[in-house]
């Protein structure tokens, strides 16, 4: 089974790491356009490698890299097929429930182990292959699998067992950045 990455930059990175990759787009029309043009409008100027398969159907995956807005994550994880780990690439706190991303995953899918991927990266830089680093936080076996699946010398992944700290740090980062910008 291939890793699934709904984010085009992570799909490009996983392909660069030599993995079989499925890029999921929830809209069938958009999936068809991306599959044909090999371009995603949210990542201008980046051509998706031919090895990336684009689909509108949620496929079963060895590892799912879930890069969707947190406020829409609950509905998507409820429909994820398979039993492999889910690596949440969303930041924030869910409105209403005030749950962190991995808490939303655990609420909806107790059968799926989770980890969080976070870092001060820009998608276009990751897709371009510029040097970048990120943190994979979760249980050691999941961290190791993710690091082996998408890590490369140019995309260095650091493991951490503090998934709560990584999620809170990711959520707080934007608030602090906005406040710093105002100052």
C-alpha atoms as a PDB file:
ATOM      1  CA  UNK A   1       0.000   0.000   0.000  1.00  0.00           C
ATOM      2  CA  UNK A   2       1.196   3.473  -0.853  1.00  0.00           C
ATOM      3  CA  UNK A   3       1.452   6.448   1.471  1.00  0.00           C
ATOM      4  CA  UNK A   4      -1.392   8.876   0.883  1.00  0.00           C
ATOM      5  CA  UNK A   5      -0.762  12.601   1.032  1.00  0.00           C
ATOM      6  CA  UNK A   6      -3.625  15.049   0.502  1.00  0.00           C
ATOM      7  CA  UNK A   7      -1.073  17.865   0.415  1.00  0.00           C
ATOM      8  CA  UNK A   8       0.733  18.171  -2.910  1.00  0.00           C
ATOM      9  CA  UNK A   9       4.031  19.290  -1.338  1.00  0.00           C
ATOM     10  CA  UNK A  10       4.111  16.236   0.928  1.00  0.00           C
ATOM     11  CA  UNK A  11       3.137  14.025  -2.008  1.00  0.00           C
ATOM     12  CA  UNK A  12       6.108  15.383  -3.971  1.00  0.00           C
ATOM     13  CA  UNK A  13       8.371  14.814  -0.966  1.00  0.00           C
ATOM     14  CA  UNK A  14       7.164  11.229  -0.484  1.00  0.00           C
ATOM     15  CA  UNK A  15       7.765  10.543  -4.193  1.00  0.00           C
ATOM     16  CA  UNK A  16      11.232  12.103  -3.870  1.00  0.00           C
ATOM     17  CA  UNK A  17      11.861   9.649  -1.020  1.00  0.00           C
ATOM     18  CA  UNK A  18      11.110   6.820  -3.432  1.00  0.00           C
ATOM     19  CA  UNK A  19       7.632   5.922  -2.197  1.00  0.00           C
ATOM     20  CA  UNK A  20       4.570   4.975  -4.170  1.00  0.00           C
ATOM     21  CA  UNK A  21       2.226   7.912  -3.544  1.00  0.00           C
ATOM     22  CA  UNK A  22      -1.460   8.589  -3.942  1.00  0.00           C
ATOM     23  CA  UNK A  23      -2.541  12.247  -3.833  1.00  0.00           C
ATOM     24  CA  UNK A  24      -6.137  12.563  -2.691  1.00  0.00           C
ATOM     25  CA  UNK A  25      -8.391  15.454  -3.722  1.00  0.00           C
ATOM     26  CA  UNK A  26     -11.933  15.341  -2.389  1.00  0.00           C
ATOM     27  CA  UNK A  27     -13.438  16.887  -5.522  1.00  0.00           C
ATOM     28  CA  UNK A  28     -13.492  14.464  -8.507  1.00  0.00           C
ATOM     29  CA  UNK A  29     -13.275  17.311 -11.028  1.00  0.00           C
ATOM     30  CA  UNK A  30     -10.234  18.801  -9.337  1.00  0.00           C
ATOM     31  CA  UNK A  31      -8.621  15.361  -9.008  1.00  0.00           C
ATOM     32  CA  UNK A  32      -9.085  14.858 -12.752  1.00  0.00           C
ATOM     33  CA  UNK A  33      -7.602  18.271 -13.562  1.00  0.00           C
ATOM     34  CA  UNK A  34      -4.594  17.701 -11.290  1.00  0.00           C
ATOM     35  CA  UNK A  35      -4.077  14.197 -12.660  1.00  0.00           C
ATOM     36  CA  UNK A  36      -4.109  15.457 -16.236  1.00  0.00           C
ATOM     37  CA  UNK A  37      -2.171  18.715 -15.839  1.00  0.00           C
ATOM     38  CA  UNK A  38       0.166  17.380 -13.101  1.00  0.00           C
ATOM     39  CA  UNK A  39      -0.237  20.827 -11.464  1.00  0.00           C
ATOM     40  CA  UNK A  40      -2.103  21.860  -8.328  1.00  0.00           C
ATOM     41  CA  UNK A  41      -3.398  25.454  -8.243  1.00  0.00           C
ATOM     42  CA  UNK A  42      -2.456  25.683  -4.547  1.00  0.00           C
ATOM     43  CA  UNK A  43       1.177  24.959  -5.415  1.00  0.00           C
ATOM     44  CA  UNK A  44       1.900  27.107  -8.491  1.00  0.00           C
ATOM     45  CA  UNK A  45       4.880  26.206 -10.635  1.00  0.00           C
ATOM     46  CA  UNK A  46       5.350  22.720  -9.193  1.00  0.00           C
ATOM     47  CA  UNK A  47       4.866  19.804 -11.563  1.00  0.00           C
ATOM     48  CA  UNK A  48       3.799  16.618  -9.816  1.00  0.00           C
ATOM     49  CA  UNK A  49       6.008  13.633 -10.662  1.00  0.00           C
ATOM     50  CA  UNK A  50       4.383  11.099 -12.974  1.00  0.00           C
ATOM     51  CA  UNK A  51       4.765   8.497 -10.230  1.00  0.00           C
ATOM     52  CA  UNK A  52       2.105  10.217  -8.085  1.00  0.00           C
ATOM     53  CA  UNK A  53      -1.366   8.810  -8.679  1.00  0.00           C
ATOM     54  CA  UNK A  54      -4.191  11.338  -8.179  1.00  0.00           C
ATOM     55  CA  UNK A  55      -7.620  10.193  -7.019  1.00  0.00           C
ATOM     56  CA  UNK A  56     -10.874  11.503  -5.581  1.00  0.00           C
ATOM     57  CA  UNK A  57     -11.572   8.267  -3.690  1.00  0.00           C
ATOM     58  CA  UNK A  58      -9.960   7.850  -0.295  1.00  0.00           C
ATOM     59  CA  UNK A  59      -7.576   4.931  -0.799  1.00  0.00           C
ATOM     60  CA  UNK A  60      -6.278   2.516   1.795  1.00  0.00           C
ATOM     61  CA  UNK A  61      -2.702   3.386   2.697  1.00  0.00           C
ATOM     62  CA  UNK A  62       0.234   2.109   4.696  1.00  0.00           C
ATOM     63  CA  UNK A  63       0.625   5.636   6.105  1.00  0.00           C
ATOM     64  CA  UNK A  64      -1.839   8.474   5.610  1.00  0.00           C
ATOM     65  CA  UNK A  65      -0.463  12.023   5.693  1.00  0.00           C
ATOM     66  CA  UNK A  66      -3.612  13.984   6.476  1.00  0.00           C
ATOM     67  CA  UNK A  67      -3.173  17.636   5.545  1.00  0.00           C
ATOM     68  CA  UNK A  68      -6.679  19.046   5.717  1.00  0.00           C
ATOM     69  CA  UNK A  69      -7.976  22.033   7.685  1.00  0.00           C
ATOM     70  CA  UNK A  70      -8.596  20.951  11.260  1.00  0.00           C
ATOM     71  CA  UNK A  71     -12.190  22.181  11.178  1.00  0.00           C
ATOM     72  CA  UNK A  72     -12.925  19.606   8.415  1.00  0.00           C
ATOM     73  CA  UNK A  73     -10.777  16.788   9.754  1.00  0.00           C
ATOM     74  CA  UNK A  74     -13.438  14.999  11.803  1.00  0.00           C
ATOM     75  CA  UNK A  75     -15.611  14.139   8.816  1.00  0.00           C
ATOM     76  CA  UNK A  76     -12.676  13.002   6.730  1.00  0.00           C
ATOM     77  CA  UNK A  77     -11.069  10.713   9.315  1.00  0.00           C
ATOM     78  CA  UNK A  78     -14.416   9.039   9.945  1.00  0.00           C
ATOM     79  CA  UNK A  79     -14.331   7.792   6.344  1.00  0.00           C
ATOM     80  CA  UNK A  80     -10.655   6.806   6.086  1.00  0.00           C
ATOM     81  CA  UNK A  81     -10.275   3.209   4.932  1.00  0.00           C
ATOM     82  CA  UNK A  82      -7.632   0.899   6.341  1.00  0.00           C
ATOM     83  CA  UNK A  83      -5.867   0.565   9.641  1.00  0.00           C
ATOM     84  CA  UNK A  84      -2.450   2.183   9.061  1.00  0.00           C
ATOM     85  CA  UNK A  85      -1.231   5.169  11.037  1.00  0.00           C
ATOM     86  CA  UNK A  86      -2.552   8.652  10.327  1.00  0.00           C
ATOM     87  CA  UNK A  87      -0.034  11.486  10.431  1.00  0.00           C
ATOM     88  CA  UNK A  88      -1.923  14.696  11.061  1.00  0.00           C
ATOM     89  CA  UNK A  89      -0.416  17.711   9.315  1.00  0.00           C
ATOM     90  CA  UNK A  90      -2.977  20.214  10.620  1.00  0.00           C
ATOM     91  CA  UNK A  91      -2.501  22.823  13.291  1.00  0.00           C
ATOM     92  CA  UNK A  92      -4.942  24.375  15.678  1.00  0.00           C
ATOM     93  CA  UNK A  93      -7.774  23.564  18.027  1.00  0.00           C
ATOM     94  CA  UNK A  94     -11.142  22.302  16.817  1.00  0.00           C
ATOM     95  CA  UNK A  95     -13.875  24.883  17.275  1.00  0.00           C
ATOM     96  CA  UNK A  96     -16.575  23.831  19.688  1.00  0.00           C
ATOM     97  CA  UNK A  97     -14.848  20.759  21.124  1.00  0.00           C
ATOM     98  CA  UNK A  98     -11.496  22.501  21.765  1.00  0.00           C
ATOM     99  CA  UNK A  99      -9.763  19.225  20.847  1.00  0.00           C
ATOM    100  CA  UNK A 100      -6.278  19.010  19.365  1.00  0.00           C
ATOM    101  CA  UNK A 101      -5.856  17.181  16.026  1.00  0.00           C
ATOM    102  CA  UNK A 102      -4.818  13.815  17.497  1.00  0.00           C
ATOM    103  CA  UNK A 103      -7.694  14.013  19.973  1.00  0.00           C
ATOM    104  CA  UNK A 104     -10.110  14.458  17.067  1.00  0.00           C
ATOM    105  CA  UNK A 105      -8.546  11.422  15.384  1.00  0.00           C
ATOM    106  CA  UNK A 106      -8.848   9.344  18.573  1.00  0.00           C
ATOM    107  CA  UNK A 107     -12.477  10.389  19.002  1.00  0.00           C
ATOM    108  CA  UNK A 108     -13.439   9.326  15.490  1.00  0.00           C
ATOM    109  CA  UNK A 109     -11.077   6.407  14.849  1.00  0.00           C
ATOM    110  CA  UNK A 110      -9.784   4.560  17.901  1.00  0.00           C
ATOM    111  CA  UNK A 111      -8.496   1.884  15.510  1.00  0.00           C
ATOM    112  CA  UNK A 112      -6.033   4.271  13.847  1.00  0.00           C
ATOM    113  CA  UNK A 113      -2.794   5.220  15.548  1.00  0.00           C
ATOM    114  CA  UNK A 114      -1.796   8.842  15.110  1.00  0.00           C
ATOM    115  CA  UNK A 115       1.226  11.075  14.971  1.00  0.00           C
ATOM    116  CA  UNK A 116       1.668  14.737  14.155  1.00  0.00           C
ATOM    117  CA  UNK A 117       3.995  16.263  11.551  1.00  0.00           C
ATOM    118  CA  UNK A 118       4.857  19.871  12.241  1.00  0.00           C
ATOM    119  CA  UNK A 119       7.557  22.320  11.359  1.00  0.00           C
ATOM    120  CA  UNK A 120       8.228  25.840  10.246  1.00  0.00           C
ATOM    121  CA  UNK A 121       8.019  24.940   6.556  1.00  0.00           C
ATOM    122  CA  UNK A 122       6.510  26.471   3.453  1.00  0.00           C
ATOM    123  CA  UNK A 123       4.884  24.051   1.020  1.00  0.00           C
ATOM    124  CA  UNK A 124       6.533  25.540  -2.055  1.00  0.00           C
ATOM    125  CA  UNK A 125       9.992  25.149  -0.471  1.00  0.00           C
ATOM    126  CA  UNK A 126       9.362  21.504   0.457  1.00  0.00           C
ATOM    127  CA  UNK A 127       8.028  20.758  -3.033  1.00  0.00           C
ATOM    128  CA  UNK A 128      11.049  22.473  -4.614  1.00  0.00           C
ATOM    129  CA  UNK A 129      13.385  20.253  -2.615  1.00  0.00           C
ATOM    130  CA  UNK A 130      14.942  23.086  -0.646  1.00  0.00           C
ATOM    131  CA  UNK A 131      16.449  22.033   2.688  1.00  0.00           C
ATOM    132  CA  UNK A 132      13.781  21.715   5.360  1.00  0.00           C
ATOM    133  CA  UNK A 133      13.260  20.116   8.735  1.00  0.00           C
ATOM    134  CA  UNK A 134      10.164  19.021  10.605  1.00  0.00           C
ATOM    135  CA  UNK A 135       9.155  17.117  13.714  1.00  0.00           C
ATOM    136  CA  UNK A 136       7.226  13.862  13.778  1.00  0.00           C
ATOM    137  CA  UNK A 137       5.671  13.458  17.223  1.00  0.00           C
ATOM    138  CA  UNK A 138       4.021  10.278  18.389  1.00  0.00           C
ATOM    139  CA  UNK A 139       4.807   6.753  19.453  1.00  0.00           C
ATOM    140  CA  UNK A 140       8.315   5.570  18.494  1.00  0.00           C
ATOM    141  CA  UNK A 141       7.242   2.894  15.989  1.00  0.00           C
ATOM    142  CA  UNK A 142       5.023   5.350  14.102  1.00  0.00           C
ATOM    143  CA  UNK A 143       7.709   8.054  14.138  1.00  0.00           C
ATOM    144  CA  UNK A 144      10.249   5.637  12.708  1.00  0.00           C
ATOM    145  CA  UNK A 145       7.870   4.521   9.958  1.00  0.00           C
ATOM    146  CA  UNK A 146       7.095   8.108   8.942  1.00  0.00           C
ATOM    147  CA  UNK A 147      10.742   9.147   9.048  1.00  0.00           C
ATOM    148  CA  UNK A 148      11.679   6.178   6.846  1.00  0.00           C
ATOM    149  CA  UNK A 149       8.792   6.836   4.444  1.00  0.00           C
ATOM    150  CA  UNK A 150       9.282  10.530   3.680  1.00  0.00           C
ATOM    151  CA  UNK A 151      12.591  11.628   5.152  1.00  0.00           C
ATOM    152  CA  UNK A 152      15.507  12.466   2.856  1.00  0.00           C
ATOM    153  CA  UNK A 153      18.803  14.290   3.384  1.00  0.00           C
ATOM    154  CA  UNK A 154      17.100  17.497   2.211  1.00  0.00           C
ATOM    155  CA  UNK A 155      13.938  16.931   4.277  1.00  0.00           C
ATOM    156  CA  UNK A 156      15.218  16.044   7.721  1.00  0.00           C
ATOM    157  CA  UNK A 157      12.708  14.694  10.185  1.00  0.00           C
ATOM    158  CA  UNK A 158      13.251  14.720  13.923  1.00  0.00           C
ATOM    159  CA  UNK A 159      11.320  12.366  16.177  1.00  0.00           C
ATOM    160  CA  UNK A 160       9.689  13.436  19.406  1.00  0.00           C
ATOM    161  CA  UNK A 161       7.410  11.616  21.816  1.00  0.00           C
ATOM    162  CA  UNK A 162       5.649  14.810  22.959  1.00  0.00           C
ATOM    163  CA  UNK A 163       2.690  14.835  20.579  1.00  0.00           C
ATOM    164  CA  UNK A 164       0.684  17.154  22.840  1.00  0.00           C
ATOM    165  CA  UNK A 165       3.517  19.687  22.988  1.00  0.00           C
ATOM    166  CA  UNK A 166       3.983  19.557  19.210  1.00  0.00           C
ATOM    167  CA  UNK A 167       0.269  20.177  18.660  1.00  0.00           C
ATOM    168  CA  UNK A 168       0.014  23.001  21.201  1.00  0.00           C
ATOM    169  CA  UNK A 169       3.196  24.577  19.808  1.00  0.00           C
ATOM    170  CA  UNK A 170       1.773  24.425  16.284  1.00  0.00           C
ATOM    171  CA  UNK A 171      -1.522  25.969  17.403  1.00  0.00           C
ATOM    172  CA  UNK A 172       0.151  28.711  19.437  1.00  0.00           C
ATOM    173  CA  UNK A 173       2.724  29.562  16.767  1.00  0.00           C
ATOM    174  CA  UNK A 174       0.233  31.361  14.551  1.00  0.00           C
ATOM    175  CA  UNK A 175      -1.140  33.416  17.440  1.00  0.00           C
ATOM    176  CA  UNK A 176       2.362  34.480  18.476  1.00  0.00           C
ATOM    177  CA  UNK A 177       3.323  35.234  14.847  1.00  0.00           C
ATOM    178  CA  UNK A 178       0.296  37.487  14.382  1.00  0.00           C
ATOM    179  CA  UNK A 179       0.998  39.280  17.664  1.00  0.00           C
ATOM    180  CA  UNK A 180       4.653  39.767  16.685  1.00  0.00           C
ATOM    181  CA  UNK A 181       3.565  41.154  13.359  1.00  0.00           C
ATOM    182  CA  UNK A 182       1.255  43.659  15.023  1.00  0.00           C
ATOM    183  CA  UNK A 183       4.033  44.803  17.366  1.00  0.00           C
END
